[in-house]
Structures are given as structure tokens and as C-alpha cells.
């Protein structure tokens, strides 16, 4: 649960929590949260090397979440956590904005742990986020409130590699509850390489929509 880069914009409250061993459904608070997430851009310049090791340790995770959001790691029961979010947060309101990640020519983003995706790009409307553990991975997606999601784009001209079991090189997620869900685009330029691990049938690139999803 040690990501190299975390870039978050959360409207209405939220943030990053790691090392959580129990959960009481209070991450978002008891009242409705309202607010839009802003644009999030991450660029790994040419000839730069970025790497992590350990379960649930991502290379880059970039999120724009409207209505309150979170990145949570090392939870005791991720399925119950997802159910709690969905049940308690239908009154959340806000739009997610565009998320853009660029890996330049000659640069490397590499992870070595189980369920440690190299890149995660996520835009969420209506609250939500991403839940991850070293033992299982879950994408929360939207919590079911009101809001649109923005576009999610990853441009790669370098090397993106996830070596651990069940780890994808790139995960893109755009979820909105008002019928307006942003596009998801993966551009692999000439000379760009993408490697995922297939030990747990994890594809090199994943495009995800529509709420809670196991990885």
C-alpha cells in the first residue's frame, strides 16, 4: 500500500487512507457532500524511472472525484466496505473532471507487488473512489450520488509494466450516475510498451465502468 505518486482532486471532502483494519461506514460522514473535482494531470518526463514494490503499491494513481471520494488501502473486508459506501452515499453530489496521465519516451513506470497496478486513472461523479488491498483489489467507482464523470486519458511513449500477480499495467475508470459518463482513451505511441501480469488473469489494460468491480 505504498504508491509512488497519488494525485487527487476531491470535491466535497475525502482523501487517501492506508493501513485501515476496520471500517464503520463513516469515511464520507453522515451528511451529503457536494462539490466538483478538478482536473488532474500527471506527467512522467522523458528518461525518468518510477517504481514500487509490495502488495497494493501502485506506480501512479490519479483521481478526480465529485461528491466526496477516497483512495483506501489495506481494509479488512473490501466487499463490505463497498456495500457500505453504496448504501450510505446516494445523496452525494458533484462532477468529476478530466484525468490525464502522460508517460514520456524513454521513461518507465514499473511495479513489483501483487495487485499493484502500474497506472490507475479515475474520474467519478456522485462520490466514490478506489479501494485496494495487497490480497484483493476492488474498484469502487461511483457511490451512486448525482454527478457526471470526466474523460480519462493515458498517453504512453515509454514502458509501463506491472510484474506482480493480478496486476494490470493500466486501469482506466470513468463512472457517472446521470447518464453522462466521460470517455476512456489509451494511446500507446510508437516505441511504447505495456506489460501486465496474467497469473490472476489481469489484462494489461482495463477499461471499467458501472460501480463496484473486483480486479
Protein backbone atom coordinates (compact mmCIF):
# COMPACT_ATOMS: atom_id res chain seq x y z
CA UNK A 1 0.00 0.00 0.00
CA UNK A 2 2.83 2.39 -0.87
CA UNK A 3 2.05 4.18 -4.15
CA UNK A 4 4.77 6.24 -5.78
CA UNK A 5 2.50 9.10 -6.93
CA UNK A 6 -1.00 9.96 -5.69
CA UNK A 7 -2.70 12.91 -7.43
CA UNK A 8 -6.22 13.65 -6.15
CA UNK A 9 -8.87 16.32 -6.54
CA UNK A 10 -11.95 15.58 -4.44
CA UNK A 11 -14.94 17.93 -4.32
CA UNK A 12 -16.94 17.74 -1.09
CA UNK A 13 -14.27 16.06 1.02
CA UNK A 14 -12.21 12.89 1.03
CA UNK A 15 -8.65 11.81 0.54
CA UNK A 16 -6.22 8.95 0.98
CA UNK A 17 -6.41 6.41 3.80
CA UNK A 18 -3.99 3.50 4.17
CA UNK A 19 -3.44 0.95 6.90
CA UNK A 20 -7.15 0.75 7.78
CA UNK A 21 -8.02 -2.52 9.54
CA UNK A 22 -11.71 -1.86 10.18
CA UNK A 23 -14.41 0.40 8.82
CA UNK A 24 -17.62 1.83 10.31
CA UNK A 25 -19.07 3.49 7.22
CA UNK A 26 -18.05 6.98 8.36
CA UNK A 27 -15.38 7.82 5.81
CA UNK A 28 -17.66 10.24 3.98
CA UNK A 29 -19.50 11.45 7.10
CA UNK A 30 -23.24 11.24 7.76
CA UNK A 31 -24.32 14.26 5.69
CA UNK A 32 -24.40 14.69 1.93
CA UNK A 33 -21.24 16.08 0.39
CA UNK A 34 -21.44 18.49 -2.54
CA UNK A 35 -18.64 19.67 -4.78
CA UNK A 36 -16.85 19.07 -8.08
CA UNK A 37 -13.43 17.53 -8.54
CA UNK A 38 -10.93 19.48 -10.61
CA UNK A 39 -8.72 18.41 -13.49
CA UNK A 40 -5.80 16.13 -12.63
CA UNK A 41 -2.68 15.87 -14.81
CA UNK A 42 0.40 13.73 -14.18
CA UNK A 43 3.43 13.69 -16.49
CA UNK A 44 6.43 11.40 -16.18
CA UNK A 45 9.03 13.23 -18.26
CA UNK A 46 11.44 11.62 -20.67
CA UNK A 47 14.14 9.34 -19.24
CA UNK A 48 12.53 9.16 -15.79
CA UNK A 49 12.15 5.89 -13.87
CA UNK A 50 9.31 5.37 -11.39
CA UNK A 51 8.89 2.12 -9.45
CA UNK A 52 7.31 0.49 -6.40
CA UNK A 53 7.35 -2.91 -4.71
CA UNK A 54 4.91 -4.57 -2.31
CA UNK A 55 1.27 -5.63 -2.50
CA UNK A 56 -1.20 -2.91 -3.42
CA UNK A 57 1.60 -0.44 -4.20
CA UNK A 58 0.68 1.42 -7.39
CA UNK A 59 3.04 3.39 -9.57
CA UNK A 60 0.61 6.26 -10.27
CA UNK A 61 -2.99 6.77 -9.15
CA UNK A 62 -4.75 9.93 -10.38
CA UNK A 63 -8.34 10.71 -9.35
CA UNK A 64 -10.91 13.46 -9.89
CA UNK A 65 -14.00 12.79 -7.78
CA UNK A 66 -17.14 14.89 -7.36
CA UNK A 67 -19.27 14.49 -4.23
CA UNK A 68 -16.57 13.20 -1.89
CA UNK A 69 -14.05 10.49 -2.59
CA UNK A 70 -11.27 8.36 -1.32
CA UNK A 71 -8.37 6.03 -2.00
CA UNK A 72 -8.46 3.36 0.69
CA UNK A 73 -5.95 0.58 1.24
CA UNK A 74 -5.45 -2.48 3.44
CA UNK A 75 -9.04 -2.76 4.64
CA UNK A 76 -10.23 -5.83 6.48
CA UNK A 77 -13.31 -6.52 4.34
CA UNK A 78 -13.38 -4.73 0.98
CA UNK A 79 -16.71 -6.21 -0.13
CA UNK A 80 -18.48 -4.91 2.98
CA UNK A 81 -16.74 -1.56 2.58
CA UNK A 82 -18.05 -1.23 -0.96
CA UNK A 83 -21.58 -2.15 0.12
CA UNK A 84 -21.46 0.46 2.90
CA UNK A 85 -20.34 3.20 0.54
CA UNK A 86 -23.10 2.42 -1.96
CA UNK A 87 -25.80 2.22 0.69
CA UNK A 88 -24.91 5.39 2.60
CA UNK A 89 -23.93 7.85 -0.08
CA UNK A 90 -26.73 8.15 -2.62
CA UNK A 91 -27.18 11.83 -1.64
CA UNK A 92 -23.66 12.79 -2.65
CA UNK A 93 -23.50 15.33 -5.47
CA UNK A 94 -20.71 16.54 -7.73
CA UNK A 95 -18.97 16.06 -11.05
CA UNK A 96 -15.59 14.51 -11.73
CA UNK A 97 -13.28 16.31 -14.16
CA UNK A 98 -10.80 15.12 -16.76
CA UNK A 99 -7.81 12.98 -15.76
CA UNK A 100 -4.73 12.79 -17.98
CA UNK A 101 -1.55 10.78 -17.42
CA UNK A 102 1.47 11.01 -19.75
CA UNK A 103 4.48 8.69 -19.73
CA UNK A 104 7.21 10.19 -21.90
CA UNK A 105 9.59 8.46 -24.29
CA UNK A 106 12.32 6.52 -22.51
CA UNK A 107 10.52 6.68 -19.15
CA UNK A 108 9.46 3.67 -17.09
CA UNK A 109 6.61 3.11 -14.63
CA UNK A 110 7.00 -0.31 -13.03
CA UNK A 111 5.50 -2.18 -10.05
CA UNK A 112 6.57 -5.46 -8.44
CA UNK A 113 3.78 -6.32 -5.94
CA UNK A 114 0.64 -8.42 -6.04
CA UNK A 115 -2.40 -6.43 -7.22
CA UNK A 116 -0.16 -3.42 -7.72
CA UNK A 117 -1.27 -1.75 -10.93
CA UNK A 118 1.29 0.46 -12.59
CA UNK A 119 -1.19 3.22 -13.52
CA UNK A 120 -4.74 3.92 -12.29
CA UNK A 121 -6.67 6.84 -13.84
CA UNK A 122 -10.16 7.54 -12.47
CA UNK A 123 -12.91 10.17 -12.84
CA UNK A 124 -16.05 9.78 -10.70
CA UNK A 125 -19.34 11.65 -10.42
CA UNK A 126 -21.59 11.25 -7.37
CA UNK A 127 -18.92 10.27 -4.87
CA UNK A 128 -16.81 7.15 -4.72
CA UNK A 129 -13.23 6.17 -5.30
CA UNK A 130 -10.83 3.27 -5.25
CA UNK A 131 -10.36 0.51 -2.71
CA UNK A 132 -7.30 -1.72 -2.76
CA UNK A 133 -5.52 -4.28 -0.60
CA UNK A 134 -2.47 -6.50 -1.06
CA UNK A 135 -4.79 -9.52 -1.08
CA UNK A 136 -7.65 -8.42 -3.33
CA UNK A 137 -8.41 -5.42 -5.49
CA UNK A 138 -11.72 -3.60 -5.76
CA UNK A 139 -12.70 -0.59 -7.84
CA UNK A 140 -15.42 1.32 -6.02
CA UNK A 141 -16.42 3.51 -8.93
CA UNK A 142 -19.34 5.83 -8.17
CA UNK A 143 -21.09 5.68 -4.81
CA UNK A 144 -24.46 6.28 -6.51
CA UNK A 145 -24.93 10.02 -5.97
CA UNK A 146 -25.64 12.69 -8.56
CA UNK A 147 -22.90 13.69 -10.93
CA UNK A 148 -21.14 13.22 -14.23
CA UNK A 149 -17.63 11.91 -14.78
CA UNK A 150 -14.96 13.41 -16.99
CA UNK A 151 -12.73 11.91 -19.63
CA UNK A 152 -9.85 9.65 -18.65
CA UNK A 153 -6.77 9.51 -20.90
CA UNK A 154 -3.41 7.76 -20.67
CA UNK A 155 -0.71 8.54 -23.25
CA UNK A 156 2.29 6.23 -23.21
CA UNK A 157 5.51 6.56 -25.16
CA UNK A 158 7.67 4.73 -22.60
CA UNK A 159 7.38 1.45 -20.69
CA UNK A 160 4.51 0.68 -18.30
CA UNK A 161 4.97 -2.67 -16.59
CA UNK A 162 3.22 -4.50 -13.71
CA UNK A 163 5.11 -7.62 -12.66
CA UNK A 164 3.08 -8.79 -9.65
CA UNK A 165 0.29 -11.37 -9.67
CA UNK A 166 -3.05 -9.95 -10.76
CA UNK A 167 -1.53 -6.59 -11.65
CA UNK A 168 -2.55 -4.64 -14.73
CA UNK A 169 -0.27 -2.14 -16.37
CA UNK A 170 -3.07 0.42 -16.80
CA UNK A 171 -6.56 0.72 -15.28
CA UNK A 172 -8.96 3.40 -16.59
CA UNK A 173 -12.27 4.08 -14.81
CA UNK A 174 -14.92 6.72 -15.61
CA UNK A 175 -18.25 6.45 -13.76
CA UNK A 176 -21.18 8.89 -13.54
CA UNK A 177 -24.75 8.42 -12.35
CA UNK A 178 -26.59 10.94 -14.55
CA UNK A 179 -26.06 9.22 -17.86
CA UNK A 180 -23.14 11.47 -18.78
CA UNK A 181 -20.03 9.36 -18.43
CA UNK A 182 -16.73 10.55 -19.84
CA UNK A 183 -14.67 8.78 -22.46
CA UNK A 184 -11.75 6.50 -21.66
CA UNK A 185 -8.76 6.57 -24.01
CA UNK A 186 -5.46 4.70 -24.03
CA UNK A 187 -2.87 5.89 -26.57
CA UNK A 188 0.26 3.78 -26.98
CA UNK A 189 2.71 5.72 -29.15
CA UNK A 190 5.38 4.24 -31.37
CA UNK A 191 8.04 2.77 -29.13
CA UNK A 192 5.68 2.49 -26.15
CA UNK A 193 5.38 -0.88 -24.38
CA UNK A 194 2.74 -2.14 -21.93
CA UNK A 195 3.17 -5.27 -19.80
CA UNK A 196 0.66 -6.81 -17.39
CA UNK A 197 0.78 -9.97 -15.31
CA UNK A 198 -1.53 -12.85 -16.21
CA UNK A 199 -1.10 -15.00 -13.09
CA UNK A 200 -4.58 -13.94 -11.89
CA UNK A 201 -5.93 -13.23 -15.38
CA UNK A 202 -5.31 -9.50 -15.14
CA UNK A 203 -5.31 -7.88 -18.59
CA UNK A 204 -2.56 -5.44 -19.49
CA UNK A 205 -5.15 -2.64 -19.87
CA UNK A 206 -8.57 -2.46 -18.17
CA UNK A 207 -11.46 -0.11 -19.02
CA UNK A 208 -14.04 -0.09 -16.19
CA UNK A 209 -17.49 1.41 -15.69
CA UNK A 210 -20.59 0.87 -13.55
CA UNK A 211 -19.72 0.77 -9.89
CA UNK A 212 -18.10 -1.84 -7.70
CA UNK A 213 -15.82 -4.12 -9.65
CA UNK A 214 -13.40 -6.78 -8.47
CA UNK A 215 -9.94 -6.84 -10.05
